[in-house]
Amino acid sequence: MDVFLSITFLVICAAVGALIGGFIGKVVSILLSPFIKRSLKKRGVQ
């Protein structure tokens, strides 16, 4: 049972970490999208 519990705990931690990582990635991409667009426009002008 201990091995089973440890495996399930690891799986749950991995799933939660993936969800949190994906959410943070979305927020960061949304926040940085204007800066990325500006830099691309500047490169296009130059």
PDB file of N, CA and C in Angstrom:
ATOM      1  N   MET A   1       0.831  -1.205   0.000  1.00  0.00           N
ATOM      2  CA  MET A   1       0.000   0.000   0.000  1.00  0.00           C
ATOM      3  C   MET A   1       0.871   1.262   0.000  1.00  0.00           C
ATOM      4  N   ASP A   2       1.981   1.232   0.715  1.00  0.00           N
ATOM      5  CA  ASP A   2       2.834   2.421   0.768  1.00  0.00           C
ATOM      6  C   ASP A   2       3.347   2.789  -0.621  1.00  0.00           C
ATOM      7  N   VAL A   3       3.744   1.782  -1.400  1.00  0.00           N
ATOM      8  CA  VAL A   3       4.238   2.054  -2.751  1.00  0.00           C
ATOM      9  C   VAL A   3       3.118   2.642  -3.597  1.00  0.00           C
ATOM     10  N   PHE A   4       1.925   2.064  -3.485  1.00  0.00           N
ATOM     11  CA  PHE A   4       0.781   2.564  -4.254  1.00  0.00           C
ATOM     12  C   PHE A   4       0.478   4.013  -3.880  1.00  0.00           C
ATOM     13  N   LEU A   5       0.486   4.313  -2.585  1.00  0.00           N
ATOM     14  CA  LEU A   5       0.199   5.683  -2.138  1.00  0.00           C
ATOM     15  C   LEU A   5       1.266   6.651  -2.638  1.00  0.00           C
ATOM     16  N   SER A   6       2.514   6.242  -2.585  1.00  0.00           N
ATOM     17  CA  SER A   6       3.589   7.130  -3.041  1.00  0.00           C
ATOM     18  C   SER A   6       3.472   7.384  -4.542  1.00  0.00           C
ATOM     19  N   ILE A   7       3.102   6.351  -5.313  1.00  0.00           N
ATOM     20  CA  ILE A   7       2.956   6.526  -6.767  1.00  0.00           C
ATOM     21  C   ILE A   7       1.794   7.473  -7.059  1.00  0.00           C
ATOM     22  N   THR A   8       0.663   7.268  -6.384  1.00  0.00           N
ATOM     23  CA  THR A   8      -0.491   8.139  -6.621  1.00  0.00           C
ATOM     24  C   THR A   8      -0.160   9.575  -6.213  1.00  0.00           C
ATOM     25  N   PHE A   9       0.591   9.736  -5.123  1.00  0.00           N
ATOM     26  CA  PHE A   9       0.987  11.078  -4.676  1.00  0.00           C
ATOM     27  C   PHE A   9       1.850  11.756  -5.728  1.00  0.00           C
ATOM     28  N   LEU A  10       2.795  11.008  -6.297  1.00  0.00           N
ATOM     29  CA  LEU A  10       3.668  11.569  -7.333  1.00  0.00           C
ATOM     30  C   LEU A  10       2.856  11.955  -8.567  1.00  0.00           C
ATOM     31  N   VAL A  11       1.907  11.099  -8.951  1.00  0.00           N
ATOM     32  CA  VAL A  11       1.084  11.388 -10.133  1.00  0.00           C
ATOM     33  C   VAL A  11       0.253  12.645  -9.897  1.00  0.00           C
ATOM     34  N   ILE A  12      -0.335  12.755  -8.704  1.00  0.00           N
ATOM     35  CA  ILE A  12      -1.158  13.931  -8.398  1.00  0.00           C
ATOM     36  C   ILE A  12      -0.289  15.191  -8.402  1.00  0.00           C
ATOM     37  N   CYS A  13       0.890  15.107  -7.802  1.00  0.00           N
ATOM     38  CA  CYS A  13       1.798  16.264  -7.782  1.00  0.00           C
ATOM     39  C   CYS A  13       2.188  16.659  -9.206  1.00  0.00           C
ATOM     40  N   ALA A  14       2.456  15.678 -10.057  1.00  0.00           N
ATOM     41  CA  ALA A  14       2.836  15.971 -11.440  1.00  0.00           C
ATOM     42  C   ALA A  14       1.686  16.651 -12.173  1.00  0.00           C
ATOM     43  N   ALA A  15       0.455  16.166 -11.963  1.00  0.00           N
ATOM     44  CA  ALA A  15      -0.704  16.752 -12.635  1.00  0.00           C
ATOM     45  C   ALA A  15      -0.922  18.189 -12.169  1.00  0.00           C
ATOM     46  N   VAL A  16      -0.839  18.405 -10.850  1.00  0.00           N
ATOM     47  CA  VAL A  16      -1.030  19.759 -10.315  1.00  0.00           C
ATOM     48  C   VAL A  16       0.074  20.689 -10.828  1.00  0.00           C
ATOM     49  N   GLY A  17       1.305  20.196 -10.844  1.00  0.00           N
ATOM     50  CA  GLY A  17       2.409  21.005 -11.342  1.00  0.00           C
ATOM     51  C   GLY A  17       2.222  21.372 -12.807  1.00  0.00           C
ATOM     52  N   ALA A  18       1.737  20.417 -13.602  1.00  0.00           N
ATOM     53  CA  ALA A  18       1.520  20.685 -15.023  1.00  0.00           C
ATOM     54  C   ALA A  18       0.422  21.730 -15.202  1.00  0.00           C
ATOM     55  N   LEU A  19      -0.646  21.619 -14.411  1.00  0.00           N
ATOM     56  CA  LEU A  19      -1.739  22.588 -14.515  1.00  0.00           C
ATOM     57  C   LEU A  19      -1.251  23.983 -14.126  1.00  0.00           C
ATOM     58  N   ILE A  20      -0.527  24.068 -13.007  1.00  0.00           N
ATOM     59  CA  ILE A  20      -0.026  25.369 -12.547  1.00  0.00           C
ATOM     60  C   ILE A  20       0.962  25.935 -13.572  1.00  0.00           C
ATOM     61  N   GLY A  21       1.852  25.087 -14.090  1.00  0.00           N
ATOM     62  CA  GLY A  21       2.822  25.539 -15.082  1.00  0.00           C
ATOM     63  C   GLY A  21       2.134  26.051 -16.339  1.00  0.00           C
ATOM     64  N   GLY A  22       1.110  25.339 -16.797  1.00  0.00           N
ATOM     65  CA  GLY A  22       0.387  25.771 -17.989  1.00  0.00           C
ATOM     66  C   GLY A  22      -0.317  27.098 -17.759  1.00  0.00           C
ATOM     67  N   PHE A  23      -0.918  27.244 -16.565  1.00  0.00           N
ATOM     68  CA  PHE A  23      -1.625  28.490 -16.249  1.00  0.00           C
ATOM     69  C   PHE A  23      -0.655  29.661 -16.210  1.00  0.00           C
ATOM     70  N   ILE A  24       0.491  29.472 -15.538  1.00  0.00           N
ATOM     71  CA  ILE A  24       1.500  30.537 -15.457  1.00  0.00           C
ATOM     72  C   ILE A  24       2.014  30.869 -16.857  1.00  0.00           C
ATOM     73  N   GLY A  25       2.219  29.842 -17.684  1.00  0.00           N
ATOM     74  CA  GLY A  25       2.686  30.071 -19.049  1.00  0.00           C
ATOM     75  C   GLY A  25       1.696  30.908 -19.847  1.00  0.00           C
ATOM     76  N   LYS A  26       0.395  30.608 -19.689  1.00  0.00           N
ATOM     77  CA  LYS A  26      -0.622  31.380 -20.406  1.00  0.00           C
ATOM     78  C   LYS A  26      -0.610  32.831 -19.949  1.00  0.00           C
ATOM     79  N   VAL A  27      -0.552  33.039 -18.619  1.00  0.00           N
ATOM     80  CA  VAL A  27      -0.570  34.407 -18.088  1.00  0.00           C
ATOM     81  C   VAL A  27       0.648  35.182 -18.578  1.00  0.00           C
ATOM     82  N   VAL A  28       1.817  34.550 -18.522  1.00  0.00           N
ATOM     83  CA  VAL A  28       3.045  35.223 -18.953  1.00  0.00           C
ATOM     84  C   VAL A  28       2.974  35.559 -20.442  1.00  0.00           C
ATOM     85  N   SER A  29       2.477  34.620 -21.255  1.00  0.00           N
ATOM     86  CA  SER A  29       2.395  34.879 -22.699  1.00  0.00           C
ATOM     87  C   SER A  29       1.418  36.018 -22.984  1.00  0.00           C
ATOM     88  N   ILE A  30       0.309  36.063 -22.226  1.00  0.00           N
ATOM     89  CA  ILE A  30      -0.665  37.146 -22.426  1.00  0.00           C
ATOM     90  C   ILE A  30      -0.049  38.486 -22.028  1.00  0.00           C
ATOM     91  N   LEU A  31       0.705  38.488 -20.917  1.00  0.00           N
ATOM     92  CA  LEU A  31       1.307  39.741 -20.453  1.00  0.00           C
ATOM     93  C   LEU A  31       2.420  40.199 -21.388  1.00  0.00           C
ATOM     94  N   LEU A  32       3.166  39.258 -21.961  1.00  0.00           N
ATOM     95  CA  LEU A  32       4.319  39.621 -22.786  1.00  0.00           C
ATOM     96  C   LEU A  32       3.958  39.824 -24.255  1.00  0.00           C
ATOM     97  N   SER A  33       2.756  39.434 -24.673  1.00  0.00           N
ATOM     98  CA  SER A  33       2.408  39.525 -26.095  1.00  0.00           C
ATOM     99  C   SER A  33       2.542  40.952 -26.646  1.00  0.00           C
ATOM    100  N   PRO A  34       2.136  42.005 -25.927  1.00  0.00           N
ATOM    101  CA  PRO A  34       2.317  43.360 -26.483  1.00  0.00           C
ATOM    102  C   PRO A  34       3.782  43.709 -26.704  1.00  0.00           C
ATOM    103  N   PHE A  35       4.644  43.328 -25.752  1.00  0.00           N
ATOM    104  CA  PHE A  35       6.073  43.626 -25.901  1.00  0.00           C
ATOM    105  C   PHE A  35       6.648  42.858 -27.085  1.00  0.00           C
ATOM    106  N   ILE A  36       6.216  41.600 -27.254  1.00  0.00           N
ATOM    107  CA  ILE A  36       6.719  40.797 -28.372  1.00  0.00           C
ATOM    108  C   ILE A  36       6.272  41.425 -29.693  1.00  0.00           C
ATOM    109  N   LYS A  37       5.019  41.883 -29.751  1.00  0.00           N
ATOM    110  CA  LYS A  37       4.526  42.507 -30.981  1.00  0.00           C
ATOM    111  C   LYS A  37       5.310  43.779 -31.283  1.00  0.00           C
ATOM    112  N   ARG A  38       5.606  44.570 -30.245  1.00  0.00           N
ATOM    113  CA  ARG A  38       6.366  45.805 -30.457  1.00  0.00           C
ATOM    114  C   ARG A  38       7.751  45.496 -30.999  1.00  0.00           C
ATOM    115  N   SER A  39       8.413  44.496 -30.390  1.00  0.00           N
ATOM    116  CA  SER A  39       9.772  44.165 -30.838  1.00  0.00           C
ATOM    117  C   SER A  39       9.741  43.662 -32.278  1.00  0.00           C
ATOM    118  N   LEU A  40       8.704  42.886 -32.635  1.00  0.00           N
ATOM    119  CA  LEU A  40       8.613  42.397 -34.011  1.00  0.00           C
ATOM    120  C   LEU A  40       8.373  43.565 -34.967  1.00  0.00           C
ATOM    121  N   LYS A  41       7.545  44.537 -34.559  1.00  0.00           N
ATOM    122  CA  LYS A  41       7.299  45.701 -35.409  1.00  0.00           C
ATOM    123  C   LYS A  41       8.584  46.497 -35.600  1.00  0.00           C
ATOM    124  N   LYS A  42       9.343  46.690 -34.515  1.00  0.00           N
ATOM    125  CA  LYS A  42      10.603  47.432 -34.616  1.00  0.00           C
ATOM    126  C   LYS A  42      11.561  46.721 -35.569  1.00  0.00           C
ATOM    127  N   ARG A  43      11.639  45.408 -35.465  1.00  0.00           N
ATOM    128  CA  ARG A  43      12.526  44.654 -36.358  1.00  0.00           C
ATOM    129  C   ARG A  43      12.052  44.786 -37.802  1.00  0.00           C
ATOM    130  N   GLY A  44      10.733  44.770 -38.007  1.00  0.00           N
ATOM    131  CA  GLY A  44      10.200  44.889 -39.360  1.00  0.00           C
ATOM    132  C   GLY A  44      10.510  46.256 -39.948  1.00  0.00           C
ATOM    133  N   VAL A  45      10.422  47.316 -39.124  1.00  0.00           N
ATOM    134  CA  VAL A  45      10.706  48.674 -39.598  1.00  0.00           C
ATOM    135  C   VAL A  45      12.178  48.800 -39.966  1.00  0.00           C
ATOM    136  N   GLN A  46      13.047  48.272 -39.099  1.00  0.00           N
ATOM    137  CA  GLN A  46      14.477  48.365 -39.372  1.00  0.00           C
ATOM    138  C   GLN A  46      14.809  47.496 -40.582  1.00  0.00           C
TER     139      GLN A  46
END
